[in-house]
Amino acid sequence: MLFDPAETFIIHKLQAELPAHLTYHNVNHTLDVYSAAERIGLQEGIGPEKMKLLLTAACYHDSGFLIAAEEHEEHSCNIAKEALPGFGYTQEQIDTICGLIRATKVPQLPNNHLEQILADADLDYLGREDFWPISDKLYQELLFTGKIRDKQEWNRVQLRFVEAHHFFTQTAISTRQKQKELNLASIKLQITHQN
C-alpha cells in the first residue's frame, strides 16, 4: 500500500476543491483528526499496518464533503473505494477503511478498537482548550448552510451534543474527559447568560 501518495492525493484534492463556506469541515479539520488519530493510536499500542489504515481513514473521512454534506460518510467511503486501489490497497484494507469512516458518523457507533480510535480523534477538540475557536468554525459553517439560525440555538445544539457524547478509548478518556467537562460547563454558562 502506497500510504504517502494516497494521503497526498486526497489532501491536495481537499485543499483545491472543498467549498470556501466549509469553515469547519475543511483540510485543517482533516489534518487535526489525522494528528489526533496518530497520537491516540500510538498510546493505544496500534501496530504499523493498522496505523496506516487508521491514518488513511483519517485523511479520507470527510472527503465526502467534496460531493455533499448529507451522507458525507458514504460519499467519503465511495471516494476511498475509487482512489485507493490505484495506490495498492487491497479490498480487505479498503473495507476496513470504510468501516473506520462510518464510525465517525454521529451518533458514533464504533464496532472495534480501531474504529473507537478514529471516532475519538474526530471529536478530539471537544476535550481541548481550543474548543471555542474550533466550535465557532462549525457554528459559522452551520449558519451559512442554514442548519441553525443564531448563537442561542447553536449553544443549545452544542449542549445536547456534548452532553450525549462520550469518548471510547482509555487514552481519550484520560487525556480529554476533564477538559470536556470544563467546556460543557462553559457552554451552560453561555446559555445562562442568554436567558
N, C-alpha and C. Protein backbone atom coordinates (compact mmCIF):
# COMPACT_ATOMS: atom_id res chain seq x y z
N MET A 1 0.85 -1.19 0.00
CA MET A 1 0.00 0.00 0.00
C MET A 1 0.89 1.25 0.00
N LEU A 2 0.61 2.13 -0.96
CA LEU A 2 1.40 3.36 -1.09
C LEU A 2 0.74 4.45 -0.25
N PHE A 3 1.03 4.40 1.05
CA PHE A 3 0.35 5.25 2.02
C PHE A 3 0.58 6.75 1.75
N ASP A 4 1.85 7.15 1.58
CA ASP A 4 2.16 8.59 1.41
C ASP A 4 1.48 9.19 0.18
N PRO A 5 1.58 8.56 -1.00
CA PRO A 5 0.88 9.13 -2.16
C PRO A 5 -0.65 9.14 -2.01
N ALA A 6 -1.21 8.13 -1.35
CA ALA A 6 -2.66 8.08 -1.14
C ALA A 6 -3.11 9.25 -0.27
N GLU A 7 -2.27 9.55 0.73
CA GLU A 7 -2.54 10.67 1.65
C GLU A 7 -2.39 12.01 0.92
N THR A 8 -1.29 12.18 0.20
CA THR A 8 -1.02 13.42 -0.53
C THR A 8 -2.12 13.71 -1.54
N PHE A 9 -2.56 12.67 -2.25
CA PHE A 9 -3.61 12.82 -3.27
C PHE A 9 -4.87 13.46 -2.68
N ILE A 10 -5.37 12.90 -1.56
CA ILE A 10 -6.65 13.40 -1.02
C ILE A 10 -6.48 14.75 -0.33
N ILE A 11 -5.36 14.98 0.33
CA ILE A 11 -5.13 16.28 0.99
C ILE A 11 -5.10 17.40 -0.07
N HIS A 12 -4.40 17.17 -1.17
CA HIS A 12 -4.36 18.17 -2.25
C HIS A 12 -5.74 18.40 -2.85
N LYS A 13 -6.48 17.32 -3.01
CA LYS A 13 -7.84 17.42 -3.57
C LYS A 13 -8.74 18.25 -2.64
N LEU A 14 -8.64 18.00 -1.33
CA LEU A 14 -9.44 18.76 -0.35
C LEU A 14 -9.05 20.24 -0.39
N GLN A 15 -7.74 20.50 -0.44
CA GLN A 15 -7.26 21.90 -0.47
C GLN A 15 -7.79 22.63 -1.70
N ALA A 16 -7.80 21.94 -2.83
CA ALA A 16 -8.16 22.57 -4.09
C ALA A 16 -9.66 22.68 -4.31
N GLU A 17 -10.43 21.71 -3.82
CA GLU A 17 -11.82 21.60 -4.27
C GLU A 17 -12.91 21.81 -3.23
N LEU A 18 -12.58 21.81 -1.93
CA LEU A 18 -13.64 22.00 -0.93
C LEU A 18 -14.19 23.43 -1.01
N PRO A 19 -15.51 23.60 -0.90
CA PRO A 19 -16.09 24.95 -0.94
C PRO A 19 -15.60 25.81 0.24
N ALA A 20 -15.45 27.11 -0.01
CA ALA A 20 -14.91 28.04 0.99
C ALA A 20 -15.80 28.17 2.23
N HIS A 21 -17.11 27.93 2.07
CA HIS A 21 -18.00 28.09 3.24
C HIS A 21 -17.82 26.99 4.28
N LEU A 22 -17.05 25.95 3.95
CA LEU A 22 -16.79 24.89 4.93
C LEU A 22 -15.65 25.34 5.86
N THR A 23 -16.04 26.13 6.84
CA THR A 23 -15.05 26.71 7.76
C THR A 23 -14.59 25.69 8.81
N TYR A 24 -15.40 24.62 8.99
CA TYR A 24 -15.01 23.55 9.94
C TYR A 24 -14.58 22.29 9.19
N HIS A 25 -15.42 21.80 8.30
CA HIS A 25 -15.11 20.55 7.58
C HIS A 25 -14.18 20.84 6.41
N ASN A 26 -12.98 21.31 6.73
CA ASN A 26 -12.00 21.64 5.69
C ASN A 26 -10.72 20.84 5.94
N VAL A 27 -9.68 21.18 5.19
CA VAL A 27 -8.44 20.41 5.29
C VAL A 27 -7.80 20.53 6.68
N ASN A 28 -8.01 21.65 7.36
CA ASN A 28 -7.45 21.81 8.71
C ASN A 28 -8.05 20.79 9.68
N HIS A 29 -9.37 20.56 9.54
CA HIS A 29 -10.03 19.55 10.39
C HIS A 29 -9.45 18.17 10.07
N THR A 30 -9.29 17.87 8.79
CA THR A 30 -8.75 16.57 8.39
C THR A 30 -7.36 16.35 8.99
N LEU A 31 -6.51 17.37 8.92
CA LEU A 31 -5.15 17.26 9.47
C LEU A 31 -5.17 17.16 11.00
N ASP A 32 -6.14 17.83 11.62
CA ASP A 32 -6.30 17.78 13.08
C ASP A 32 -6.69 16.36 13.51
N VAL A 33 -7.63 15.77 12.77
CA VAL A 33 -8.09 14.41 13.08
C VAL A 33 -6.95 13.41 12.84
N TYR A 34 -6.19 13.63 11.79
CA TYR A 34 -5.03 12.78 11.47
C TYR A 34 -4.06 12.77 12.65
N SER A 35 -3.73 13.96 13.13
CA SER A 35 -2.76 14.08 14.21
C SER A 35 -3.31 13.48 15.51
N ALA A 36 -4.61 13.68 15.79
CA ALA A 36 -5.22 13.08 16.99
C ALA A 36 -5.26 11.56 16.87
N ALA A 37 -5.57 11.04 15.67
CA ALA A 37 -5.63 9.59 15.45
C ALA A 37 -4.25 8.96 15.65
N GLU A 38 -3.23 9.65 15.17
CA GLU A 38 -1.86 9.13 15.32
C GLU A 38 -1.46 9.10 16.80
N ARG A 39 -1.76 10.19 17.51
CA ARG A 39 -1.43 10.27 18.94
C ARG A 39 -2.17 9.19 19.74
N ILE A 40 -3.47 9.08 19.52
CA ILE A 40 -4.26 8.08 20.26
C ILE A 40 -3.82 6.67 19.87
N GLY A 41 -3.62 6.46 18.57
CA GLY A 41 -3.20 5.15 18.07
C GLY A 41 -1.90 4.68 18.70
N LEU A 42 -0.93 5.59 18.80
CA LEU A 42 0.36 5.25 19.42
C LEU A 42 0.17 4.90 20.89
N GLN A 43 -0.62 5.72 21.59
CA GLN A 43 -0.83 5.47 23.02
C GLN A 43 -1.65 4.20 23.28
N GLU A 44 -2.48 3.85 22.30
CA GLU A 44 -3.30 2.64 22.43
C GLU A 44 -2.56 1.40 21.92
N GLY A 45 -1.31 1.59 21.46
CA GLY A 45 -0.47 0.45 21.06
C GLY A 45 -0.81 -0.18 19.72
N ILE A 46 -1.28 0.62 18.77
CA ILE A 46 -1.62 0.11 17.44
C ILE A 46 -0.34 -0.19 16.64
N GLY A 47 -0.33 -1.32 15.97
CA GLY A 47 0.83 -1.71 15.15
C GLY A 47 0.91 -0.92 13.86
N PRO A 48 2.06 -0.98 13.14
CA PRO A 48 2.29 -0.15 11.95
C PRO A 48 1.28 -0.37 10.81
N GLU A 49 0.88 -1.61 10.57
CA GLU A 49 -0.08 -1.90 9.49
C GLU A 49 -1.44 -1.26 9.79
N LYS A 50 -1.93 -1.49 11.02
CA LYS A 50 -3.22 -0.91 11.42
C LYS A 50 -3.14 0.62 11.46
N MET A 51 -1.99 1.14 11.87
CA MET A 51 -1.80 2.59 11.93
C MET A 51 -1.97 3.21 10.54
N LYS A 52 -1.43 2.56 9.52
CA LYS A 52 -1.56 3.08 8.15
C LYS A 52 -3.02 3.11 7.72
N LEU A 53 -3.77 2.07 8.08
CA LEU A 53 -5.20 2.03 7.73
C LEU A 53 -5.96 3.13 8.48
N LEU A 54 -5.63 3.29 9.77
CA LEU A 54 -6.25 4.32 10.60
C LEU A 54 -6.00 5.71 10.03
N LEU A 55 -4.75 5.98 9.66
CA LEU A 55 -4.39 7.31 9.17
C LEU A 55 -4.91 7.56 7.75
N THR A 56 -5.02 6.50 6.96
CA THR A 56 -5.64 6.65 5.63
C THR A 56 -7.10 7.05 5.82
N ALA A 57 -7.78 6.35 6.73
CA ALA A 57 -9.19 6.66 7.01
C ALA A 57 -9.33 8.10 7.53
N ALA A 58 -8.40 8.54 8.37
CA ALA A 58 -8.44 9.92 8.88
C ALA A 58 -8.35 10.91 7.71
N CYS A 59 -7.49 10.63 6.75
CA CYS A 59 -7.34 11.52 5.58
C CYS A 59 -8.60 11.57 4.73
N TYR A 60 -9.28 10.45 4.60
CA TYR A 60 -10.44 10.35 3.70
C TYR A 60 -11.78 10.55 4.40
N HIS A 61 -11.80 10.64 5.75
CA HIS A 61 -13.08 10.52 6.47
C HIS A 61 -14.11 11.60 6.14
N ASP A 62 -13.67 12.79 5.76
CA ASP A 62 -14.63 13.85 5.40
C ASP A 62 -14.50 14.27 3.94
N SER A 63 -13.83 13.45 3.13
CA SER A 63 -13.68 13.79 1.71
C SER A 63 -15.04 13.84 1.00
N GLY A 64 -16.03 13.18 1.58
CA GLY A 64 -17.39 13.19 1.01
C GLY A 64 -17.99 14.58 0.92
N PHE A 65 -17.46 15.52 1.70
CA PHE A 65 -17.94 16.92 1.61
C PHE A 65 -17.63 17.51 0.23
N LEU A 66 -16.73 16.87 -0.52
CA LEU A 66 -16.49 17.28 -1.90
C LEU A 66 -17.75 17.07 -2.74
N ILE A 67 -18.61 16.15 -2.30
CA ILE A 67 -19.83 15.82 -3.03
C ILE A 67 -21.05 16.46 -2.36
N ALA A 68 -21.24 16.18 -1.07
CA ALA A 68 -22.39 16.73 -0.33
C ALA A 68 -22.18 16.54 1.16
N ALA A 69 -22.79 17.43 1.96
CA ALA A 69 -22.71 17.31 3.42
C ALA A 69 -23.57 16.15 3.91
N GLU A 70 -24.76 15.98 3.29
CA GLU A 70 -25.64 14.88 3.68
C GLU A 70 -24.99 13.56 3.29
N GLU A 71 -25.05 12.61 4.20
CA GLU A 71 -24.49 11.27 3.94
C GLU A 71 -23.01 11.33 3.51
N HIS A 72 -22.28 12.34 4.02
CA HIS A 72 -20.90 12.51 3.55
C HIS A 72 -20.01 11.30 3.89
N GLU A 73 -20.36 10.56 4.94
CA GLU A 73 -19.54 9.38 5.27
C GLU A 73 -19.58 8.36 4.12
N GLU A 74 -20.79 8.15 3.56
CA GLU A 74 -20.90 7.20 2.44
C GLU A 74 -20.17 7.73 1.21
N HIS A 75 -20.29 9.04 0.97
CA HIS A 75 -19.56 9.64 -0.16
C HIS A 75 -18.05 9.48 0.06
N SER A 76 -17.60 9.68 1.31
CA SER A 76 -16.18 9.54 1.64
C SER A 76 -15.71 8.11 1.36
N CYS A 77 -16.55 7.16 1.74
CA CYS A 77 -16.24 5.75 1.52
C CYS A 77 -16.13 5.46 0.02
N ASN A 78 -17.04 6.04 -0.77
CA ASN A 78 -17.01 5.83 -2.22
C ASN A 78 -15.75 6.43 -2.85
N ILE A 79 -15.34 7.60 -2.35
CA ILE A 79 -14.11 8.24 -2.84
C ILE A 79 -12.91 7.34 -2.52
N ALA A 80 -12.89 6.79 -1.30
CA ALA A 80 -11.81 5.88 -0.90
C ALA A 80 -11.80 4.63 -1.78
N LYS A 81 -12.98 4.08 -2.03
CA LYS A 81 -13.09 2.87 -2.88
C LYS A 81 -12.57 3.12 -4.29
N GLU A 82 -12.81 4.35 -4.76
CA GLU A 82 -12.39 4.71 -6.12
C GLU A 82 -10.88 4.98 -6.19
N ALA A 83 -10.36 5.68 -5.18
CA ALA A 83 -8.96 6.14 -5.22
C ALA A 83 -7.95 5.08 -4.77
N LEU A 84 -8.27 4.37 -3.69
CA LEU A 84 -7.25 3.57 -3.01
C LEU A 84 -6.73 2.35 -3.78
N PRO A 85 -7.53 1.68 -4.63
CA PRO A 85 -6.94 0.58 -5.41
C PRO A 85 -5.75 1.05 -6.25
N GLY A 86 -5.81 2.29 -6.73
CA GLY A 86 -4.71 2.85 -7.52
C GLY A 86 -3.44 3.06 -6.71
N PHE A 87 -3.56 3.02 -5.38
CA PHE A 87 -2.39 3.15 -4.50
C PHE A 87 -2.04 1.81 -3.86
N GLY A 88 -2.54 0.72 -4.45
CA GLY A 88 -2.15 -0.62 -4.00
C GLY A 88 -2.87 -1.14 -2.77
N TYR A 89 -3.97 -0.51 -2.37
CA TYR A 89 -4.74 -1.01 -1.22
C TYR A 89 -5.60 -2.19 -1.68
N THR A 90 -5.68 -3.22 -0.84
CA THR A 90 -6.49 -4.39 -1.17
C THR A 90 -7.96 -4.11 -0.81
N GLN A 91 -8.85 -4.96 -1.31
CA GLN A 91 -10.27 -4.82 -1.00
C GLN A 91 -10.51 -4.92 0.52
N GLU A 92 -9.79 -5.82 1.16
CA GLU A 92 -9.94 -6.01 2.61
C GLU A 92 -9.52 -4.74 3.37
N GLN A 93 -8.41 -4.14 2.93
CA GLN A 93 -7.94 -2.90 3.57
C GLN A 93 -8.96 -1.77 3.35
N ILE A 94 -9.51 -1.70 2.16
CA ILE A 94 -10.50 -0.64 1.84
C ILE A 94 -11.78 -0.85 2.66
N ASP A 95 -12.18 -2.12 2.86
CA ASP A 95 -13.36 -2.40 3.69
C ASP A 95 -13.13 -1.93 5.13
N THR A 96 -11.91 -2.17 5.64
CA THR A 96 -11.56 -1.71 7.00
C THR A 96 -11.64 -0.18 7.06
N ILE A 97 -11.09 0.48 6.04
CA ILE A 97 -11.08 1.95 5.99
C ILE A 97 -12.51 2.49 5.93
N CYS A 98 -13.38 1.85 5.14
CA CYS A 98 -14.78 2.29 5.08
C CYS A 98 -15.48 2.11 6.43
N GLY A 99 -15.16 1.03 7.14
CA GLY A 99 -15.71 0.83 8.49
C GLY A 99 -15.27 1.95 9.42
N LEU A 100 -14.01 2.33 9.30
CA LEU A 100 -13.46 3.43 10.12
C LEU A 100 -14.17 4.75 9.79
N ILE A 101 -14.35 5.03 8.51
CA ILE A 101 -15.02 6.27 8.09
C ILE A 101 -16.45 6.30 8.65
N ARG A 102 -17.15 5.17 8.52
CA ARG A 102 -18.55 5.11 9.00
C ARG A 102 -18.63 5.27 10.52
N ALA A 103 -17.55 4.91 11.23
CA ALA A 103 -17.54 5.04 12.70
C ALA A 103 -17.54 6.49 13.16
N THR A 104 -17.26 7.43 12.22
CA THR A 104 -17.27 8.85 12.60
C THR A 104 -18.67 9.46 12.47
N LYS A 105 -19.60 8.70 11.92
CA LYS A 105 -20.97 9.21 11.77
C LYS A 105 -21.61 9.37 13.14
N VAL A 106 -22.27 10.51 13.35
CA VAL A 106 -22.91 10.81 14.64
C VAL A 106 -24.36 10.32 14.60
N PRO A 107 -24.89 9.63 15.63
CA PRO A 107 -24.18 9.21 16.84
C PRO A 107 -23.14 8.11 16.52
N GLN A 108 -21.99 8.25 17.13
CA GLN A 108 -20.88 7.33 16.83
C GLN A 108 -21.14 5.94 17.41
N LEU A 109 -21.01 4.92 16.55
CA LEU A 109 -21.20 3.53 16.99
C LEU A 109 -20.05 2.66 16.48
N PRO A 110 -18.84 2.89 16.99
CA PRO A 110 -17.70 2.10 16.52
C PRO A 110 -17.83 0.62 16.90
N ASN A 111 -17.38 -0.26 15.99
CA ASN A 111 -17.52 -1.70 16.19
C ASN A 111 -16.26 -2.38 16.72
N ASN A 112 -15.12 -1.67 16.70
CA ASN A 112 -13.88 -2.29 17.18
C ASN A 112 -12.92 -1.21 17.69
N HIS A 113 -11.79 -1.65 18.19
CA HIS A 113 -10.82 -0.73 18.81
C HIS A 113 -10.34 0.35 17.84
N LEU A 114 -10.02 -0.05 16.61
CA LEU A 114 -9.53 0.91 15.62
C LEU A 114 -10.59 1.97 15.32
N GLU A 115 -11.83 1.52 15.19
CA GLU A 115 -12.94 2.45 14.92
C GLU A 115 -13.16 3.39 16.11
N GLN A 116 -12.96 2.87 17.32
CA GLN A 116 -13.08 3.73 18.52
C GLN A 116 -12.03 4.85 18.48
N ILE A 117 -10.83 4.50 18.01
CA ILE A 117 -9.74 5.49 17.95
C ILE A 117 -10.11 6.62 16.98
N LEU A 118 -10.60 6.27 15.80
CA LEU A 118 -10.94 7.33 14.83
C LEU A 118 -12.15 8.14 15.29
N ALA A 119 -13.12 7.48 15.91
CA ALA A 119 -14.27 8.21 16.45
C ALA A 119 -13.81 9.24 17.48
N ASP A 120 -12.91 8.83 18.36
CA ASP A 120 -12.38 9.76 19.38
C ASP A 120 -11.55 10.87 18.73
N ALA A 121 -10.76 10.53 17.72
CA ALA A 121 -9.92 11.53 17.05
C ALA A 121 -10.77 12.59 16.36
N ASP A 122 -11.89 12.15 15.77
CA ASP A 122 -12.77 13.06 15.02
C ASP A 122 -13.36 14.14 15.92
N LEU A 123 -13.62 13.77 17.19
CA LEU A 123 -14.21 14.74 18.12
C LEU A 123 -13.26 15.09 19.26
N ASP A 124 -11.97 14.95 18.99
CA ASP A 124 -10.93 15.23 19.98
C ASP A 124 -11.04 16.65 20.55
N TYR A 125 -11.40 17.60 19.69
CA TYR A 125 -11.45 19.01 20.11
C TYR A 125 -12.46 19.26 21.23
N LEU A 126 -13.45 18.38 21.40
CA LEU A 126 -14.44 18.57 22.47
C LEU A 126 -13.77 18.60 23.84
N GLY A 127 -12.62 17.94 23.94
CA GLY A 127 -11.92 17.88 25.22
C GLY A 127 -10.60 18.64 25.21
N ARG A 128 -10.56 19.73 24.43
CA ARG A 128 -9.32 20.51 24.36
C ARG A 128 -9.57 21.97 24.71
N GLU A 129 -8.47 22.66 24.98
CA GLU A 129 -8.58 24.08 25.34
C GLU A 129 -8.91 24.96 24.14
N ASP A 130 -8.67 24.46 22.92
CA ASP A 130 -9.04 25.26 21.73
C ASP A 130 -10.46 24.94 21.26
N PHE A 131 -11.27 24.40 22.18
CA PHE A 131 -12.66 24.04 21.86
C PHE A 131 -13.45 25.22 21.29
N TRP A 132 -13.36 26.40 21.92
CA TRP A 132 -14.21 27.53 21.48
C TRP A 132 -13.88 28.03 20.08
N PRO A 133 -12.60 28.29 19.73
CA PRO A 133 -12.34 28.73 18.36
C PRO A 133 -12.74 27.68 17.31
N ILE A 134 -12.57 26.40 17.65
CA ILE A 134 -12.94 25.35 16.68
C ILE A 134 -14.46 25.25 16.57
N SER A 135 -15.14 25.28 17.69
CA SER A 135 -16.60 25.16 17.64
C SER A 135 -17.21 26.38 16.95
N ASP A 136 -16.53 27.53 17.03
CA ASP A 136 -17.01 28.72 16.33
C ASP A 136 -16.96 28.53 14.80
N LYS A 137 -15.95 27.79 14.34
CA LYS A 137 -15.85 27.50 12.90
C LYS A 137 -17.02 26.63 12.44
N LEU A 138 -17.41 25.69 13.31
CA LEU A 138 -18.56 24.84 12.99
C LEU A 138 -19.84 25.68 13.01
N TYR A 139 -19.94 26.58 13.97
CA TYR A 139 -21.10 27.49 14.06
C TYR A 139 -21.23 28.30 12.77
N GLN A 140 -20.12 28.89 12.30
CA GLN A 140 -20.14 29.70 11.06
C GLN A 140 -20.60 28.87 9.87
N GLU A 141 -20.11 27.63 9.80
CA GLU A 141 -20.47 26.74 8.68
C GLU A 141 -21.96 26.40 8.71
N LEU A 142 -22.47 26.05 9.89
CA LEU A 142 -23.88 25.67 10.02
C LEU A 142 -24.81 26.87 9.81
N LEU A 143 -24.34 28.05 10.20
CA LEU A 143 -25.10 29.28 9.99
C LEU A 143 -25.21 29.56 8.49
N PHE A 144 -24.08 29.43 7.79
CA PHE A 144 -24.04 29.68 6.34
C PHE A 144 -24.97 28.73 5.59
N THR A 145 -25.00 27.46 6.02
CA THR A 145 -25.81 26.46 5.31
C THR A 145 -27.25 26.43 5.80
N GLY A 146 -27.59 27.31 6.76
CA GLY A 146 -28.98 27.41 7.23
C GLY A 146 -29.41 26.30 8.17
N LYS A 147 -28.44 25.55 8.72
CA LYS A 147 -28.79 24.44 9.64
C LYS A 147 -29.16 24.98 11.03
N ILE A 148 -28.62 26.17 11.36
CA ILE A 148 -29.02 26.83 12.61
C ILE A 148 -29.27 28.31 12.33
N ARG A 149 -30.05 28.94 13.21
CA ARG A 149 -30.45 30.34 12.97
C ARG A 149 -29.55 31.36 13.66
N ASP A 150 -29.13 31.05 14.88
CA ASP A 150 -28.37 32.05 15.64
C ASP A 150 -27.55 31.38 16.74
N LYS A 151 -26.82 32.21 17.47
CA LYS A 151 -25.92 31.74 18.53
C LYS A 151 -26.68 31.02 19.65
N GLN A 152 -27.88 31.50 19.97
CA GLN A 152 -28.66 30.87 21.04
C GLN A 152 -29.01 29.43 20.68
N GLU A 153 -29.49 29.26 19.45
CA GLU A 153 -29.83 27.90 19.00
C GLU A 153 -28.57 27.03 18.98
N TRP A 154 -27.47 27.62 18.51
CA TRP A 154 -26.20 26.89 18.44
C TRP A 154 -25.75 26.40 19.81
N ASN A 155 -25.85 27.27 20.82
CA ASN A 155 -25.44 26.87 22.17
C ASN A 155 -26.28 25.72 22.70
N ARG A 156 -27.59 25.74 22.38
CA ARG A 156 -28.46 24.64 22.82
C ARG A 156 -28.11 23.34 22.09
N VAL A 157 -27.83 23.45 20.79
CA VAL A 157 -27.44 22.28 19.99
C VAL A 157 -26.13 21.71 20.54
N GLN A 158 -25.17 22.60 20.80
CA GLN A 158 -23.86 22.18 21.33
C GLN A 158 -23.99 21.49 22.68
N LEU A 159 -24.85 22.06 23.52
CA LEU A 159 -25.05 21.50 24.85
C LEU A 159 -25.55 20.05 24.74
N ARG A 160 -26.59 19.84 23.93
CA ARG A 160 -27.13 18.48 23.76
C ARG A 160 -26.07 17.54 23.18
N PHE A 161 -25.31 18.04 22.22
CA PHE A 161 -24.29 17.22 21.55
C PHE A 161 -23.19 16.79 22.51
N VAL A 162 -22.65 17.75 23.26
CA VAL A 162 -21.53 17.45 24.18
C VAL A 162 -22.02 16.59 25.35
N GLU A 163 -23.24 16.83 25.82
CA GLU A 163 -23.78 16.00 26.91
C GLU A 163 -23.97 14.55 26.46
N ALA A 164 -24.37 14.34 25.21
CA ALA A 164 -24.63 12.99 24.71
C ALA A 164 -23.35 12.26 24.32
N HIS A 165 -22.30 13.02 24.07
CA HIS A 165 -21.05 12.43 23.58
C HIS A 165 -20.27 11.72 24.69
N HIS A 166 -19.59 10.64 24.31
CA HIS A 166 -18.61 10.04 25.24
C HIS A 166 -17.42 9.51 24.45
N PHE A 167 -16.25 9.60 25.06
CA PHE A 167 -15.04 9.05 24.46
C PHE A 167 -15.03 7.53 24.68
N PHE A 168 -14.36 6.82 23.78
CA PHE A 168 -14.32 5.35 23.83
C PHE A 168 -13.00 4.80 24.36
N THR A 169 -11.88 5.39 23.91
CA THR A 169 -10.57 4.82 24.27
C THR A 169 -10.11 5.34 25.63
N GLN A 170 -9.29 4.52 26.30
CA GLN A 170 -8.72 4.93 27.59
C GLN A 170 -7.89 6.20 27.42
N THR A 171 -7.18 6.29 26.29
CA THR A 171 -6.33 7.46 26.03
C THR A 171 -7.17 8.73 26.00
N ALA A 172 -8.25 8.71 25.23
CA ALA A 172 -9.09 9.91 25.12
C ALA A 172 -9.75 10.23 26.46
N ILE A 173 -10.20 9.20 27.16
CA ILE A 173 -10.85 9.43 28.46
C ILE A 173 -9.85 10.07 29.43
N SER A 174 -8.62 9.54 29.48
CA SER A 174 -7.65 10.06 30.45
C SER A 174 -7.08 11.42 30.05
N THR A 175 -7.03 11.73 28.74
CA THR A 175 -6.40 13.00 28.33
C THR A 175 -7.40 14.09 27.97
N ARG A 176 -8.68 13.73 27.70
CA ARG A 176 -9.63 14.73 27.19
C ARG A 176 -10.90 14.92 28.03
N GLN A 177 -11.23 13.94 28.87
CA GLN A 177 -12.51 13.99 29.59
C GLN A 177 -12.62 15.21 30.52
N LYS A 178 -11.56 15.48 31.26
CA LYS A 178 -11.60 16.56 32.25
C LYS A 178 -11.87 17.92 31.57
N GLN A 179 -11.12 18.20 30.48
CA GLN A 179 -11.31 19.46 29.76
C GLN A 179 -12.69 19.50 29.08
N LYS A 180 -13.17 18.35 28.64
CA LYS A 180 -14.50 18.31 28.02
C LYS A 180 -15.56 18.76 29.03
N GLU A 181 -15.41 18.31 30.27
CA GLU A 181 -16.36 18.70 31.32
C GLU A 181 -16.30 20.20 31.58
N LEU A 182 -15.09 20.77 31.53
CA LEU A 182 -14.94 22.23 31.69
C LEU A 182 -15.60 22.96 30.51
N ASN A 183 -15.41 22.43 29.30
CA ASN A 183 -16.03 23.04 28.12
C ASN A 183 -17.55 22.98 28.20
N LEU A 184 -18.06 21.87 28.71
CA LEU A 184 -19.50 21.70 28.88
C LEU A 184 -20.05 22.73 29.86
N ALA A 185 -19.34 22.91 30.97
CA ALA A 185 -19.76 23.90 31.98
C ALA A 185 -19.78 25.29 31.36
N SER A 186 -18.82 25.54 30.51
CA SER A 186 -18.71 26.85 29.86
C SER A 186 -19.85 27.08 28.86
N ILE A 187 -20.32 26.01 28.19
CA ILE A 187 -21.50 26.13 27.30
C ILE A 187 -22.72 26.46 28.13
N LYS A 188 -22.86 25.77 29.25
CA LYS A 188 -24.02 26.01 30.14
C LYS A 188 -24.04 27.45 30.63
N LEU A 189 -22.86 27.98 30.89
CA LEU A 189 -22.73 29.36 31.34
C LEU A 189 -23.21 30.32 30.24
N GLN A 190 -22.83 30.04 29.01
CA GLN A 190 -23.27 30.87 27.86
C GLN A 190 -24.79 30.90 27.79
N ILE A 191 -25.41 29.73 27.97
CA ILE A 191 -26.87 29.63 27.88
C ILE A 191 -27.53 30.40 29.03
N THR A 192 -26.94 30.29 30.22
CA THR A 192 -27.47 31.03 31.38
C THR A 192 -27.46 32.52 31.10
N HIS A 193 -26.38 33.02 30.48
CA HIS A 193 -26.26 34.46 30.17
C HIS A 193 -27.23 34.89 29.09
N GLN A 194 -27.68 33.95 28.24
CA GLN A 194 -28.63 34.30 27.19
C GLN A 194 -30.03 34.54 27.77
N ASN A 195 -30.35 33.73 28.82
CA ASN A 195 -31.73 33.76 29.34
C ASN A 195 -31.98 34.96 30.24
